Amino acid sequence: MPATEVIKTNQSERLPKTAVESLARALLPQMRAYFASDEGQAALKQWRAEREQQG
């Protein structure tokens, strides 16, 4: 599945809230560091431009 594809529903299994929170705590520092970097800023700028073109 391409990274840009979004799964709209997952009715097969619910994730416990604690699992989601643990994942978020693990990923958030890395995500913040990436988007604070020059590479992350460029990717965010490109993503925003693509979203604006899509309408």
PDB file of N, CA and C in Angstrom:
ATOM      1  N   MET A   1       0.853  -1.174   0.000  1.00  0.00           N
ATOM      2  CA  MET A   1       0.000   0.000   0.000  1.00  0.00           C
ATOM      3  C   MET A   1       0.898   1.236   0.000  1.00  0.00           C
ATOM      4  N   PRO A   2       0.629   2.182  -0.899  1.00  0.00           N
ATOM      5  CA  PRO A   2       1.425   3.418  -0.929  1.00  0.00           C
ATOM      6  C   PRO A   2       1.258   4.216   0.356  1.00  0.00           C
ATOM      7  N   ALA A   3       2.276   4.983   0.688  1.00  0.00           N
ATOM      8  CA  ALA A   3       2.237   5.769   1.919  1.00  0.00           C
ATOM      9  C   ALA A   3       1.141   6.824   1.886  1.00  0.00           C
ATOM     10  N   THR A   4       0.722   7.229   0.695  1.00  0.00           N
ATOM     11  CA  THR A   4      -0.293   8.274   0.591  1.00  0.00           C
ATOM     12  C   THR A   4      -1.710   7.726   0.681  1.00  0.00           C
ATOM     13  N   GLU A   5      -1.859   6.399   0.628  1.00  0.00           N
ATOM     14  CA  GLU A   5      -3.187   5.795   0.708  1.00  0.00           C
ATOM     15  C   GLU A   5      -3.660   5.773   2.161  1.00  0.00           C
ATOM     16  N   VAL A   6      -4.887   6.129   2.369  1.00  0.00           N
ATOM     17  CA  VAL A   6      -5.439   6.197   3.716  1.00  0.00           C
ATOM     18  C   VAL A   6      -6.449   5.077   3.904  1.00  0.00           C
ATOM     19  N   ILE A   7      -6.330   4.370   5.009  1.00  0.00           N
ATOM     20  CA  ILE A   7      -7.314   3.356   5.355  1.00  0.00           C
ATOM     21  C   ILE A   7      -8.439   4.078   6.087  1.00  0.00           C
ATOM     22  N   LYS A   8      -9.640   4.035   5.544  1.00  0.00           N
ATOM     23  CA  LYS A   8     -10.745   4.800   6.107  1.00  0.00           C
ATOM     24  C   LYS A   8     -11.400   4.109   7.290  1.00  0.00           C
ATOM     25  N   THR A   9     -11.491   2.802   7.272  1.00  0.00           N
ATOM     26  CA  THR A   9     -12.112   2.114   8.388  1.00  0.00           C
ATOM     27  C   THR A   9     -11.320   0.855   8.741  1.00  0.00           C
ATOM     28  N   ASN A  10     -11.355   0.507   9.983  1.00  0.00           N
ATOM     29  CA  ASN A  10     -10.768  -0.733  10.467  1.00  0.00           C
ATOM     30  C   ASN A  10     -11.787  -1.344  11.407  1.00  0.00           C
ATOM     31  N   GLN A  11     -12.634  -2.177  10.883  1.00  0.00           N
ATOM     32  CA  GLN A  11     -13.678  -2.774  11.701  1.00  0.00           C
ATOM     33  C   GLN A  11     -13.299  -4.153  12.202  1.00  0.00           C
ATOM     34  N   SER A  12     -12.100  -4.621  11.835  1.00  0.00           N
ATOM     35  CA  SER A  12     -11.732  -5.971  12.222  1.00  0.00           C
ATOM     36  C   SER A  12     -11.210  -6.049  13.659  1.00  0.00           C
ATOM     37  N   GLU A  13     -10.551  -4.990  14.130  1.00  0.00           N
ATOM     38  CA  GLU A  13      -9.969  -5.056  15.463  1.00  0.00           C
ATOM     39  C   GLU A  13      -9.776  -3.642  16.010  1.00  0.00           C
ATOM     40  N   ARG A  14     -10.169  -3.434  17.236  1.00  0.00           N
ATOM     41  CA  ARG A  14      -9.968  -2.138  17.884  1.00  0.00           C
ATOM     42  C   ARG A  14      -8.655  -2.180  18.672  1.00  0.00           C
ATOM     43  N   LEU A  15      -7.929  -1.081  18.621  1.00  0.00           N
ATOM     44  CA  LEU A  15      -6.705  -0.971  19.394  1.00  0.00           C
ATOM     45  C   LEU A  15      -7.027  -0.367  20.753  1.00  0.00           C
ATOM     46  N   PRO A  16      -6.450  -0.921  21.791  1.00  0.00           N
ATOM     47  CA  PRO A  16      -6.667  -0.332  23.110  1.00  0.00           C
ATOM     48  C   PRO A  16      -6.073   1.080  23.162  1.00  0.00           C
ATOM     49  N   LYS A  17      -6.711   1.947  23.900  1.00  0.00           N
ATOM     50  CA  LYS A  17      -6.254   3.331  24.019  1.00  0.00           C
ATOM     51  C   LYS A  17      -4.813   3.375  24.522  1.00  0.00           C
ATOM     52  N   THR A  18      -4.458   2.488  25.425  1.00  0.00           N
ATOM     53  CA  THR A  18      -3.093   2.477  25.963  1.00  0.00           C
ATOM     54  C   THR A  18      -2.066   2.151  24.886  1.00  0.00           C
ATOM     55  N   ALA A  19      -2.426   1.293  23.935  1.00  0.00           N
ATOM     56  CA  ALA A  19      -1.515   0.949  22.846  1.00  0.00           C
ATOM     57  C   ALA A  19      -1.296   2.145  21.933  1.00  0.00           C
ATOM     58  N   VAL A  20      -2.358   2.870  21.640  1.00  0.00           N
ATOM     59  CA  VAL A  20      -2.257   4.062  20.800  1.00  0.00           C
ATOM     60  C   VAL A  20      -1.413   5.123  21.505  1.00  0.00           C
ATOM     61  N   GLU A  21      -1.640   5.324  22.777  1.00  0.00           N
ATOM     62  CA  GLU A  21      -0.883   6.321  23.533  1.00  0.00           C
ATOM     63  C   GLU A  21       0.591   5.947  23.631  1.00  0.00           C
ATOM     64  N   SER A  22       0.890   4.676  23.815  1.00  0.00           N
ATOM     65  CA  SER A  22       2.282   4.228  23.877  1.00  0.00           C
ATOM     66  C   SER A  22       2.990   4.457  22.546  1.00  0.00           C
ATOM     67  N   LEU A  23       2.312   4.167  21.469  1.00  0.00           N
ATOM     68  CA  LEU A  23       2.876   4.388  20.142  1.00  0.00           C
ATOM     69  C   LEU A  23       3.129   5.876  19.911  1.00  0.00           C
ATOM     70  N   ALA A  24       2.171   6.694  20.295  1.00  0.00           N
ATOM     71  CA  ALA A  24       2.326   8.139  20.136  1.00  0.00           C
ATOM     72  C   ALA A  24       3.510   8.656  20.953  1.00  0.00           C
ATOM     73  N   ARG A  25       3.663   8.172  22.184  1.00  0.00           N
ATOM     74  CA  ARG A  25       4.793   8.612  23.020  1.00  0.00           C
ATOM     75  C   ARG A  25       6.126   8.192  22.411  1.00  0.00           C
ATOM     76  N   ALA A  26       6.155   7.043  21.755  1.00  0.00           N
ATOM     77  CA  ALA A  26       7.394   6.563  21.148  1.00  0.00           C
ATOM     78  C   ALA A  26       7.736   7.342  19.875  1.00  0.00           C
ATOM     79  N   LEU A  27       6.722   7.699  19.091  1.00  0.00           N
ATOM     80  CA  LEU A  27       6.967   8.336  17.797  1.00  0.00           C
ATOM     81  C   LEU A  27       7.076   9.849  17.849  1.00  0.00           C
ATOM     82  N   LEU A  28       6.399  10.484  18.780  1.00  0.00           N
ATOM     83  CA  LEU A  28       6.326  11.941  18.797  1.00  0.00           C
ATOM     84  C   LEU A  28       7.693  12.627  18.844  1.00  0.00           C
ATOM     85  N   PRO A  29       8.618  12.222  19.702  1.00  0.00           N
ATOM     86  CA  PRO A  29       9.924  12.900  19.706  1.00  0.00           C
ATOM     87  C   PRO A  29      10.651  12.796  18.365  1.00  0.00           C
ATOM     88  N   GLN A  30      10.557  11.646  17.716  1.00  0.00           N
ATOM     89  CA  GLN A  30      11.207  11.469  16.420  1.00  0.00           C
ATOM     90  C   GLN A  30      10.524  12.307  15.347  1.00  0.00           C
ATOM     91  N   MET A  31       9.205  12.391  15.400  1.00  0.00           N
ATOM     92  CA  MET A  31       8.469  13.202  14.433  1.00  0.00           C
ATOM     93  C   MET A  31       8.795  14.678  14.613  1.00  0.00           C
ATOM     94  N   ARG A  32       8.857  15.138  15.848  1.00  0.00           N
ATOM     95  CA  ARG A  32       9.207  16.541  16.110  1.00  0.00           C
ATOM     96  C   ARG A  32      10.600  16.858  15.588  1.00  0.00           C
ATOM     97  N   ALA A  33      11.546  15.967  15.840  1.00  0.00           N
ATOM     98  CA  ALA A  33      12.920  16.186  15.376  1.00  0.00           C
ATOM     99  C   ALA A  33      12.976  16.232  13.852  1.00  0.00           C
ATOM    100  N   TYR A  34      12.246  15.345  13.188  1.00  0.00           N
ATOM    101  CA  TYR A  34      12.240  15.322  11.725  1.00  0.00           C
ATOM    102  C   TYR A  34      11.669  16.617  11.169  1.00  0.00           C
ATOM    103  N   PHE A  35      10.530  17.052  11.669  1.00  0.00           N
ATOM    104  CA  PHE A  35       9.898  18.252  11.127  1.00  0.00           C
ATOM    105  C   PHE A  35      10.619  19.523  11.541  1.00  0.00           C
ATOM    106  N   ALA A  36      11.494  19.464  12.521  1.00  0.00           N
ATOM    107  CA  ALA A  36      12.320  20.613  12.875  1.00  0.00           C
ATOM    108  C   ALA A  36      13.561  20.697  11.985  1.00  0.00           C
ATOM    109  N   SER A  37      13.908  19.595  11.322  1.00  0.00           N
ATOM    110  CA  SER A  37      15.088  19.573  10.459  1.00  0.00           C
ATOM    111  C   SER A  37      14.806  20.254   9.124  1.00  0.00           C
ATOM    112  N   ASP A  38      15.864  20.586   8.405  1.00  0.00           N
ATOM    113  CA  ASP A  38      15.717  21.194   7.079  1.00  0.00           C
ATOM    114  C   ASP A  38      14.975  20.251   6.123  1.00  0.00           C
ATOM    115  N   GLU A  39      15.315  18.973   6.191  1.00  0.00           N
ATOM    116  CA  GLU A  39      14.658  17.978   5.331  1.00  0.00           C
ATOM    117  C   GLU A  39      13.160  17.901   5.639  1.00  0.00           C
ATOM    118  N   GLY A  40      12.823  17.889   6.906  1.00  0.00           N
ATOM    119  CA  GLY A  40      11.421  17.822   7.306  1.00  0.00           C
ATOM    120  C   GLY A  40      10.658  19.072   6.910  1.00  0.00           C
ATOM    121  N   GLN A  41      11.285  20.225   7.046  1.00  0.00           N
ATOM    122  CA  GLN A  41      10.647  21.481   6.655  1.00  0.00           C
ATOM    123  C   GLN A  41      10.371  21.494   5.156  1.00  0.00           C
ATOM    124  N   ALA A  42      11.320  20.998   4.357  1.00  0.00           N
ATOM    125  CA  ALA A  42      11.137  20.937   2.901  1.00  0.00           C
ATOM    126  C   ALA A  42      10.008  19.970   2.544  1.00  0.00           C
ATOM    127  N   ALA A  43       9.955  18.828   3.212  1.00  0.00           N
ATOM    128  CA  ALA A  43       8.895  17.851   2.951  1.00  0.00           C
ATOM    129  C   ALA A  43       7.531  18.420   3.318  1.00  0.00           C
ATOM    130  N   LEU A  44       7.458  19.135   4.430  1.00  0.00           N
ATOM    131  CA  LEU A  44       6.200  19.736   4.859  1.00  0.00           C
ATOM    132  C   LEU A  44       5.752  20.809   3.866  1.00  0.00           C
ATOM    133  N   LYS A  45       6.680  21.603   3.394  1.00  0.00           N
ATOM    134  CA  LYS A  45       6.371  22.646   2.411  1.00  0.00           C
ATOM    135  C   LYS A  45       5.835  22.013   1.121  1.00  0.00           C
ATOM    136  N   GLN A  46       6.477  20.939   0.679  1.00  0.00           N
ATOM    137  CA  GLN A  46       6.029  20.240  -0.533  1.00  0.00           C
ATOM    138  C   GLN A  46       4.641  19.637  -0.321  1.00  0.00           C
ATOM    139  N   TRP A  47       4.399  19.026   0.831  1.00  0.00           N
ATOM    140  CA  TRP A  47       3.111  18.421   1.136  1.00  0.00           C
ATOM    141  C   TRP A  47       2.004  19.480   1.120  1.00  0.00           C
ATOM    142  N   ARG A  48       2.288  20.637   1.729  1.00  0.00           N
ATOM    143  CA  ARG A  48       1.287  21.708   1.748  1.00  0.00           C
ATOM    144  C   ARG A  48       0.974  22.204   0.343  1.00  0.00           C
ATOM    145  N   ALA A  49       2.000  22.349  -0.490  1.00  0.00           N
ATOM    146  CA  ALA A  49       1.801  22.802  -1.866  1.00  0.00           C
ATOM    147  C   ALA A  49       0.945  21.803  -2.642  1.00  0.00           C
ATOM    148  N   GLU A  50       1.197  20.524  -2.452  1.00  0.00           N
ATOM    149  CA  GLU A  50       0.408  19.491  -3.128  1.00  0.00           C
ATOM    150  C   GLU A  50      -1.041  19.518  -2.658  1.00  0.00           C
ATOM    151  N   ARG A  51      -1.254  19.746  -1.365  1.00  0.00           N
ATOM    152  CA  ARG A  51      -2.628  19.819  -0.828  1.00  0.00           C
ATOM    153  C   ARG A  51      -3.371  21.011  -1.409  1.00  0.00           C
ATOM    154  N   GLU A  52      -2.693  22.134  -1.571  1.00  0.00           N
ATOM    155  CA  GLU A  52      -3.323  23.319  -2.140  1.00  0.00           C
ATOM    156  C   GLU A  52      -3.719  23.097  -3.600  1.00  0.00           C
ATOM    157  N   GLN A  53      -2.902  22.353  -4.338  1.00  0.00           N
ATOM    158  CA  GLN A  53      -3.203  22.064  -5.739  1.00  0.00           C
ATOM    159  C   GLN A  53      -4.406  21.145  -5.872  1.00  0.00           C
ATOM    160  N   GLN A  54      -4.587  20.254  -4.903  1.00  0.00           N
ATOM    161  CA  GLN A  54      -5.700  19.308  -4.941  1.00  0.00           C
ATOM    162  C   GLN A  54      -7.025  19.997  -4.624  1.00  0.00           C
ATOM    163  N   GLY A  55      -6.953  21.127  -3.999  1.00  0.00           N
ATOM    164  CA  GLY A  55      -8.173  21.906  -3.761  1.00  0.00           C
ATOM    165  C   GLY A  55      -8.700  21.761  -2.428  1.00  0.00           C
TER     166      GLY A  55
END
